[in-house]
Every structure is written in C-alpha cells, then in structure tokens.
Amino acid sequence: MDSLNKKAAMADLAKHISMTIQIIDERIIKANETGQSEVVHKLDTMVSYNVSQADAKIIIYSDLIKAYREKGFTDIILKLLPDGALFIIRWKNKMTEEEREERLRIISSCLEGPEKLSNFP
C-alpha cells in the first residue's frame, strides 16, 4: 500500500472509531441516567478501509480501549465472538454497601416519632 492510500485508510478508520465512540458515549449517558451501570456495544466485523480485516480490528479495538481508559473507565471488556466482538464498559454509579449503611445511620439519627428505617425506601 502506498503512503497516500495508507493515509486515506487511516483517516477512514479514525472517522469510524470517532463515530463508534460517539455512539457508545450516547449509550453510556442514557444508561447512566436510567440507573444502569453497563453498556454492551457490538462491533462490526466487516470493516474495509484498504487495510486487512485483522489490522482494522487491531486498530479499532485498541483505539476504543485507549479512548475509554483515558475517559477514566477501568472495567472494559472485549469479548471476541465468531461473528464479531462485544465492547463492554461497566462503571459504578451505585452506592457501596458501606456508603449505604453510613447514609442510613445518618437518616436514622434524625428520624422522629415511630418511623423506622425498615419502612424507609
């Protein structure tokens, strides 16, 4: 592949990766707003940008992993399938059990009357 074709192929791959990141970002925002803590995104297997399928996958998968690590995500899973791959991102958006207990203690210390924490949502 000559230099010009390689540059064009890399530019096309960069656009593909950017669009994929945009889609995943939107799904993360929606998932987080609804209390979910995981996004599973199926990655295309048939990407052709004047590079081999294997090289395209290596570039796409590694760039996605790097991008989400840079965004602060630490629970990233790439699950290879016979017909593609799943890109899975998990994050914590719920309280830990210790944080929950501490917050319930705070609330309990201020409850007045016959209310009990067991009736608290």
N, C-alpha and C. Protein backbone atom coordinates (compact mmCIF):
# COMPACT_ATOMS: atom_id res chain seq x y z
N MET A 1 0.85 -1.17 0.00
CA MET A 1 0.00 0.00 0.00
C MET A 1 0.89 1.23 0.00
N ASP A 2 0.63 2.13 -0.91
CA ASP A 2 1.45 3.33 -0.95
C ASP A 2 1.05 4.29 0.17
N SER A 3 1.88 5.27 0.37
CA SER A 3 1.72 6.18 1.50
C SER A 3 0.39 6.94 1.46
N LEU A 4 -0.02 7.36 0.27
CA LEU A 4 -1.26 8.12 0.13
C LEU A 4 -2.47 7.25 0.48
N ASN A 5 -2.48 6.01 -0.01
CA ASN A 5 -3.59 5.11 0.31
C ASN A 5 -3.62 4.77 1.79
N LYS A 6 -2.43 4.61 2.38
CA LYS A 6 -2.36 4.30 3.81
C LYS A 6 -2.92 5.46 4.63
N LYS A 7 -2.58 6.69 4.26
CA LYS A 7 -3.10 7.86 4.97
C LYS A 7 -4.62 7.94 4.84
N ALA A 8 -5.13 7.66 3.66
CA ALA A 8 -6.58 7.69 3.45
C ALA A 8 -7.26 6.60 4.27
N ALA A 9 -6.67 5.42 4.29
CA ALA A 9 -7.24 4.32 5.06
C ALA A 9 -7.25 4.65 6.55
N MET A 10 -6.18 5.23 7.04
CA MET A 10 -6.10 5.59 8.46
C MET A 10 -7.10 6.70 8.80
N ALA A 11 -7.29 7.63 7.87
CA ALA A 11 -8.28 8.69 8.10
C ALA A 11 -9.69 8.09 8.14
N ASP A 12 -9.98 7.15 7.27
CA ASP A 12 -11.29 6.48 7.28
C ASP A 12 -11.49 5.69 8.57
N LEU A 13 -10.46 5.00 9.01
CA LEU A 13 -10.55 4.26 10.26
C LEU A 13 -10.77 5.21 11.44
N ALA A 14 -10.08 6.34 11.43
CA ALA A 14 -10.24 7.32 12.50
C ALA A 14 -11.67 7.84 12.55
N LYS A 15 -12.29 8.07 11.40
CA LYS A 15 -13.69 8.51 11.35
C LYS A 15 -14.60 7.43 11.91
N HIS A 16 -14.34 6.18 11.53
CA HIS A 16 -15.13 5.06 12.01
C HIS A 16 -15.04 4.95 13.54
N ILE A 17 -13.83 5.08 14.05
CA ILE A 17 -13.61 4.99 15.50
C ILE A 17 -14.30 6.15 16.21
N SER A 18 -14.19 7.34 15.66
CA SER A 18 -14.82 8.51 16.24
C SER A 18 -16.34 8.35 16.30
N MET A 19 -16.94 7.85 15.23
CA MET A 19 -18.38 7.62 15.21
C MET A 19 -18.78 6.56 16.23
N THR A 20 -17.99 5.52 16.35
CA THR A 20 -18.27 4.46 17.31
C THR A 20 -18.21 5.01 18.73
N ILE A 21 -17.21 5.82 19.02
CA ILE A 21 -17.09 6.44 20.34
C ILE A 21 -18.30 7.32 20.63
N GLN A 22 -18.73 8.07 19.65
CA GLN A 22 -19.90 8.94 19.82
C GLN A 22 -21.15 8.11 20.16
N ILE A 23 -21.34 7.00 19.47
CA ILE A 23 -22.48 6.12 19.73
C ILE A 23 -22.39 5.53 21.14
N ILE A 24 -21.22 5.04 21.50
CA ILE A 24 -21.04 4.45 22.83
C ILE A 24 -21.22 5.50 23.92
N ASP A 25 -20.69 6.70 23.71
CA ASP A 25 -20.85 7.79 24.69
C ASP A 25 -22.33 8.08 24.93
N GLU A 26 -23.11 8.16 23.85
CA GLU A 26 -24.54 8.43 23.97
C GLU A 26 -25.23 7.31 24.75
N ARG A 27 -24.83 6.08 24.50
CA ARG A 27 -25.42 4.94 25.21
C ARG A 27 -25.03 4.95 26.69
N ILE A 28 -23.82 5.38 27.00
CA ILE A 28 -23.38 5.48 28.39
C ILE A 28 -24.22 6.53 29.12
N ILE A 29 -24.42 7.67 28.51
CA ILE A 29 -25.21 8.74 29.13
C ILE A 29 -26.63 8.26 29.40
N LYS A 30 -27.25 7.64 28.41
CA LYS A 30 -28.63 7.15 28.58
C LYS A 30 -28.68 6.06 29.65
N ALA A 31 -27.73 5.15 29.62
CA ALA A 31 -27.72 4.07 30.61
C ALA A 31 -27.55 4.63 32.02
N ASN A 32 -26.64 5.55 32.18
CA ASN A 32 -26.38 6.13 33.49
C ASN A 32 -27.60 6.89 34.01
N GLU A 33 -28.29 7.60 33.11
CA GLU A 33 -29.49 8.35 33.51
C GLU A 33 -30.60 7.43 34.00
N THR A 34 -30.63 6.20 33.52
CA THR A 34 -31.68 5.25 33.91
C THR A 34 -31.19 4.29 35.00
N GLY A 35 -30.05 4.59 35.60
CA GLY A 35 -29.57 3.79 36.72
C GLY A 35 -28.79 2.55 36.33
N GLN A 36 -28.53 2.38 35.07
CA GLN A 36 -27.74 1.22 34.64
C GLN A 36 -26.26 1.53 34.82
N SER A 37 -25.46 0.48 34.82
CA SER A 37 -24.03 0.67 35.02
C SER A 37 -23.21 -0.15 34.03
N GLU A 38 -23.80 -0.41 32.86
CA GLU A 38 -23.09 -1.19 31.85
C GLU A 38 -23.64 -0.87 30.47
N VAL A 39 -22.74 -0.83 29.51
CA VAL A 39 -23.11 -0.70 28.11
C VAL A 39 -22.41 -1.82 27.35
N VAL A 40 -23.18 -2.49 26.51
CA VAL A 40 -22.64 -3.54 25.65
C VAL A 40 -22.86 -3.07 24.22
N HIS A 41 -21.76 -2.95 23.47
CA HIS A 41 -21.85 -2.48 22.09
C HIS A 41 -21.23 -3.52 21.16
N LYS A 42 -22.01 -3.96 20.18
CA LYS A 42 -21.49 -4.93 19.22
C LYS A 42 -20.66 -4.19 18.17
N LEU A 43 -19.45 -4.67 17.97
CA LEU A 43 -18.55 -4.05 17.00
C LEU A 43 -18.66 -4.78 15.66
N ASP A 44 -18.61 -4.01 14.60
CA ASP A 44 -18.66 -4.57 13.25
C ASP A 44 -17.46 -5.46 12.99
N THR A 45 -17.71 -6.52 12.26
CA THR A 45 -16.60 -7.38 11.87
C THR A 45 -16.16 -7.09 10.45
N MET A 46 -17.04 -6.54 9.68
CA MET A 46 -16.73 -6.31 8.28
C MET A 46 -16.42 -4.84 8.04
N VAL A 47 -15.24 -4.44 8.40
CA VAL A 47 -14.80 -3.08 8.13
C VAL A 47 -13.70 -3.16 7.08
N SER A 48 -13.83 -2.37 6.07
CA SER A 48 -12.86 -2.42 4.98
C SER A 48 -12.41 -1.00 4.65
N TYR A 49 -11.23 -0.70 5.03
CA TYR A 49 -10.67 0.63 4.79
C TYR A 49 -9.29 0.52 4.15
N ASN A 50 -9.19 -0.33 3.16
CA ASN A 50 -7.94 -0.56 2.45
C ASN A 50 -6.81 -1.04 3.36
N VAL A 51 -7.21 -1.73 4.43
CA VAL A 51 -6.26 -2.44 5.28
C VAL A 51 -6.86 -3.82 5.52
N SER A 52 -6.06 -4.74 5.95
CA SER A 52 -6.58 -6.08 6.18
C SER A 52 -7.61 -6.05 7.32
N GLN A 53 -8.53 -7.00 7.30
CA GLN A 53 -9.53 -7.09 8.37
C GLN A 53 -8.84 -7.20 9.73
N ALA A 54 -7.80 -8.01 9.80
CA ALA A 54 -7.10 -8.20 11.07
C ALA A 54 -6.50 -6.88 11.56
N ASP A 55 -5.84 -6.15 10.66
CA ASP A 55 -5.25 -4.87 11.06
C ASP A 55 -6.32 -3.86 11.45
N ALA A 56 -7.43 -3.84 10.71
CA ALA A 56 -8.52 -2.91 11.03
C ALA A 56 -9.06 -3.20 12.43
N LYS A 57 -9.26 -4.48 12.74
CA LYS A 57 -9.76 -4.84 14.07
C LYS A 57 -8.77 -4.45 15.16
N ILE A 58 -7.50 -4.71 14.93
CA ILE A 58 -6.48 -4.35 15.92
C ILE A 58 -6.50 -2.85 16.18
N ILE A 59 -6.57 -2.07 15.13
CA ILE A 59 -6.57 -0.60 15.27
C ILE A 59 -7.83 -0.14 15.99
N ILE A 60 -8.99 -0.62 15.55
CA ILE A 60 -10.26 -0.19 16.13
C ILE A 60 -10.35 -0.60 17.60
N TYR A 61 -10.11 -1.86 17.88
CA TYR A 61 -10.26 -2.35 19.25
C TYR A 61 -9.29 -1.65 20.20
N SER A 62 -8.04 -1.52 19.79
CA SER A 62 -7.06 -0.89 20.68
C SER A 62 -7.36 0.60 20.88
N ASP A 63 -7.80 1.29 19.83
CA ASP A 63 -8.12 2.71 19.97
C ASP A 63 -9.34 2.92 20.86
N LEU A 64 -10.33 2.04 20.76
CA LEU A 64 -11.50 2.15 21.63
C LEU A 64 -11.11 1.93 23.09
N ILE A 65 -10.32 0.91 23.33
CA ILE A 65 -9.88 0.64 24.70
C ILE A 65 -9.10 1.84 25.25
N LYS A 66 -8.16 2.37 24.46
CA LYS A 66 -7.38 3.53 24.91
C LYS A 66 -8.29 4.72 25.19
N ALA A 67 -9.25 4.97 24.30
CA ALA A 67 -10.13 6.13 24.46
C ALA A 67 -10.93 6.05 25.77
N TYR A 68 -11.45 4.88 26.07
CA TYR A 68 -12.26 4.76 27.29
C TYR A 68 -11.42 4.68 28.55
N ARG A 69 -10.21 4.19 28.45
CA ARG A 69 -9.31 4.27 29.60
C ARG A 69 -8.98 5.72 29.89
N GLU A 70 -8.75 6.50 28.84
CA GLU A 70 -8.46 7.93 29.00
C GLU A 70 -9.65 8.67 29.60
N LYS A 71 -10.86 8.18 29.36
CA LYS A 71 -12.06 8.79 29.93
C LYS A 71 -12.28 8.35 31.38
N GLY A 72 -11.42 7.47 31.88
CA GLY A 72 -11.49 7.07 33.27
C GLY A 72 -12.18 5.74 33.54
N PHE A 73 -12.59 5.05 32.50
CA PHE A 73 -13.23 3.74 32.69
C PHE A 73 -12.14 2.69 32.93
N THR A 74 -12.36 1.87 33.94
CA THR A 74 -11.37 0.83 34.26
C THR A 74 -11.91 -0.57 34.02
N ASP A 75 -13.22 -0.72 33.93
CA ASP A 75 -13.83 -2.03 33.71
C ASP A 75 -14.27 -2.12 32.25
N ILE A 76 -13.33 -2.48 31.40
CA ILE A 76 -13.56 -2.57 29.95
C ILE A 76 -13.30 -4.01 29.54
N ILE A 77 -14.24 -4.57 28.83
CA ILE A 77 -14.10 -5.96 28.39
C ILE A 77 -14.32 -6.02 26.88
N LEU A 78 -13.46 -6.75 26.21
CA LEU A 78 -13.63 -7.03 24.79
C LEU A 78 -13.88 -8.52 24.68
N LYS A 79 -15.07 -8.87 24.26
CA LYS A 79 -15.44 -10.28 24.14
C LYS A 79 -15.49 -10.64 22.67
N LEU A 80 -14.55 -11.48 22.25
CA LEU A 80 -14.49 -11.89 20.85
C LEU A 80 -15.51 -12.98 20.60
N LEU A 81 -16.25 -12.83 19.52
CA LEU A 81 -17.29 -13.78 19.12
C LEU A 81 -16.98 -14.29 17.72
N PRO A 82 -17.57 -15.41 17.32
CA PRO A 82 -17.35 -15.91 15.96
C PRO A 82 -17.77 -14.90 14.89
N ASP A 83 -18.79 -14.09 15.20
CA ASP A 83 -19.29 -13.13 14.21
C ASP A 83 -19.01 -11.68 14.58
N GLY A 84 -18.00 -11.44 15.39
CA GLY A 84 -17.67 -10.07 15.76
C GLY A 84 -17.09 -9.97 17.14
N ALA A 85 -17.42 -8.88 17.81
CA ALA A 85 -16.93 -8.66 19.17
C ALA A 85 -17.91 -7.79 19.92
N LEU A 86 -17.93 -7.97 21.22
CA LEU A 86 -18.71 -7.10 22.09
C LEU A 86 -17.75 -6.23 22.87
N PHE A 87 -18.02 -4.96 22.88
CA PHE A 87 -17.25 -3.99 23.66
C PHE A 87 -18.10 -3.64 24.86
N ILE A 88 -17.65 -4.01 26.04
CA ILE A 88 -18.44 -3.86 27.26
C ILE A 88 -17.73 -2.90 28.20
N ILE A 89 -18.49 -1.92 28.68
CA ILE A 89 -17.96 -0.96 29.64
C ILE A 89 -18.88 -0.99 30.85
N ARG A 90 -18.27 -1.11 32.02
CA ARG A 90 -19.03 -1.09 33.28
C ARG A 90 -18.47 0.02 34.16
N TRP A 91 -19.34 0.58 34.96
CA TRP A 91 -18.92 1.63 35.88
C TRP A 91 -19.79 1.54 37.13
N LYS A 92 -19.33 2.17 38.17
CA LYS A 92 -20.09 2.20 39.41
C LYS A 92 -20.88 3.49 39.46
N ASN A 93 -22.17 3.35 39.60
CA ASN A 93 -23.00 4.54 39.80
C ASN A 93 -23.94 4.32 40.97
N LYS A 94 -23.68 3.25 41.70
CA LYS A 94 -24.49 2.94 42.86
C LYS A 94 -23.61 3.01 44.09
N MET A 95 -24.27 3.18 45.20
CA MET A 95 -23.54 3.25 46.46
C MET A 95 -22.95 1.89 46.82
N THR A 96 -21.80 1.94 47.46
CA THR A 96 -21.27 0.70 48.03
C THR A 96 -22.12 0.38 49.26
N GLU A 97 -22.04 -0.84 49.72
CA GLU A 97 -22.82 -1.23 50.91
C GLU A 97 -22.40 -0.41 52.12
N GLU A 98 -21.11 -0.11 52.25
CA GLU A 98 -20.63 0.71 53.37
C GLU A 98 -21.21 2.13 53.31
N GLU A 99 -21.23 2.71 52.10
CA GLU A 99 -21.78 4.05 51.95
C GLU A 99 -23.28 4.05 52.26
N ARG A 100 -23.98 3.02 51.81
CA ARG A 100 -25.41 2.91 52.08
C ARG A 100 -25.67 2.84 53.59
N GLU A 101 -24.93 1.99 54.29
CA GLU A 101 -25.11 1.85 55.74
C GLU A 101 -24.83 3.17 56.46
N GLU A 102 -23.78 3.85 56.06
CA GLU A 102 -23.45 5.14 56.69
C GLU A 102 -24.56 6.16 56.46
N ARG A 103 -25.08 6.23 55.27
CA ARG A 103 -26.15 7.17 54.96
C ARG A 103 -27.43 6.82 55.72
N LEU A 104 -27.72 5.53 55.85
CA LEU A 104 -28.89 5.11 56.62
C LEU A 104 -28.72 5.46 58.10
N ARG A 105 -27.50 5.35 58.63
CA ARG A 105 -27.24 5.76 60.01
C ARG A 105 -27.51 7.25 60.19
N ILE A 106 -27.10 8.04 59.23
CA ILE A 106 -27.33 9.49 59.30
C ILE A 106 -28.82 9.78 59.32
N ILE A 107 -29.55 9.14 58.42
CA ILE A 107 -31.00 9.34 58.36
C ILE A 107 -31.66 8.87 59.66
N SER A 108 -31.27 7.71 60.12
CA SER A 108 -31.84 7.13 61.34
C SER A 108 -31.64 8.05 62.54
N SER A 109 -30.51 8.72 62.60
CA SER A 109 -30.23 9.59 63.74
C SER A 109 -31.16 10.80 63.78
N CYS A 110 -31.86 11.07 62.70
CA CYS A 110 -32.73 12.24 62.63
C CYS A 110 -34.21 11.89 62.53
N LEU A 111 -34.53 10.63 62.48
CA LEU A 111 -35.94 10.25 62.40
C LEU A 111 -36.64 10.57 63.71
N GLU A 112 -37.83 11.11 63.61
CA GLU A 112 -38.61 11.47 64.79
C GLU A 112 -39.86 10.63 64.83
N GLY A 113 -40.26 10.24 66.02
CA GLY A 113 -41.51 9.50 66.17
C GLY A 113 -41.34 8.02 65.87
N PRO A 114 -42.46 7.39 65.53
CA PRO A 114 -42.45 5.94 65.39
C PRO A 114 -41.86 5.43 64.06
N GLU A 115 -41.37 6.33 63.21
CA GLU A 115 -40.82 5.89 61.94
C GLU A 115 -39.63 4.97 62.18
N LYS A 116 -39.52 4.00 61.36
CA LYS A 116 -38.40 3.09 61.45
C LYS A 116 -37.71 2.99 60.10
N LEU A 117 -36.43 2.75 60.14
CA LEU A 117 -35.69 2.63 58.89
C LEU A 117 -36.20 1.47 58.04
N SER A 118 -36.75 0.46 58.65
CA SER A 118 -37.24 -0.66 57.86
C SER A 118 -38.39 -0.22 56.94
N ASN A 119 -39.04 0.88 57.28
CA ASN A 119 -40.11 1.41 56.41
C ASN A 119 -39.57 2.40 55.40
N PHE A 120 -38.31 2.70 55.53
CA PHE A 120 -37.69 3.68 54.62
C PHE A 120 -37.40 3.00 53.28
N PRO A 121 -37.66 3.70 52.20
CA PRO A 121 -37.46 3.06 50.87
C PRO A 121 -36.05 2.56 50.64
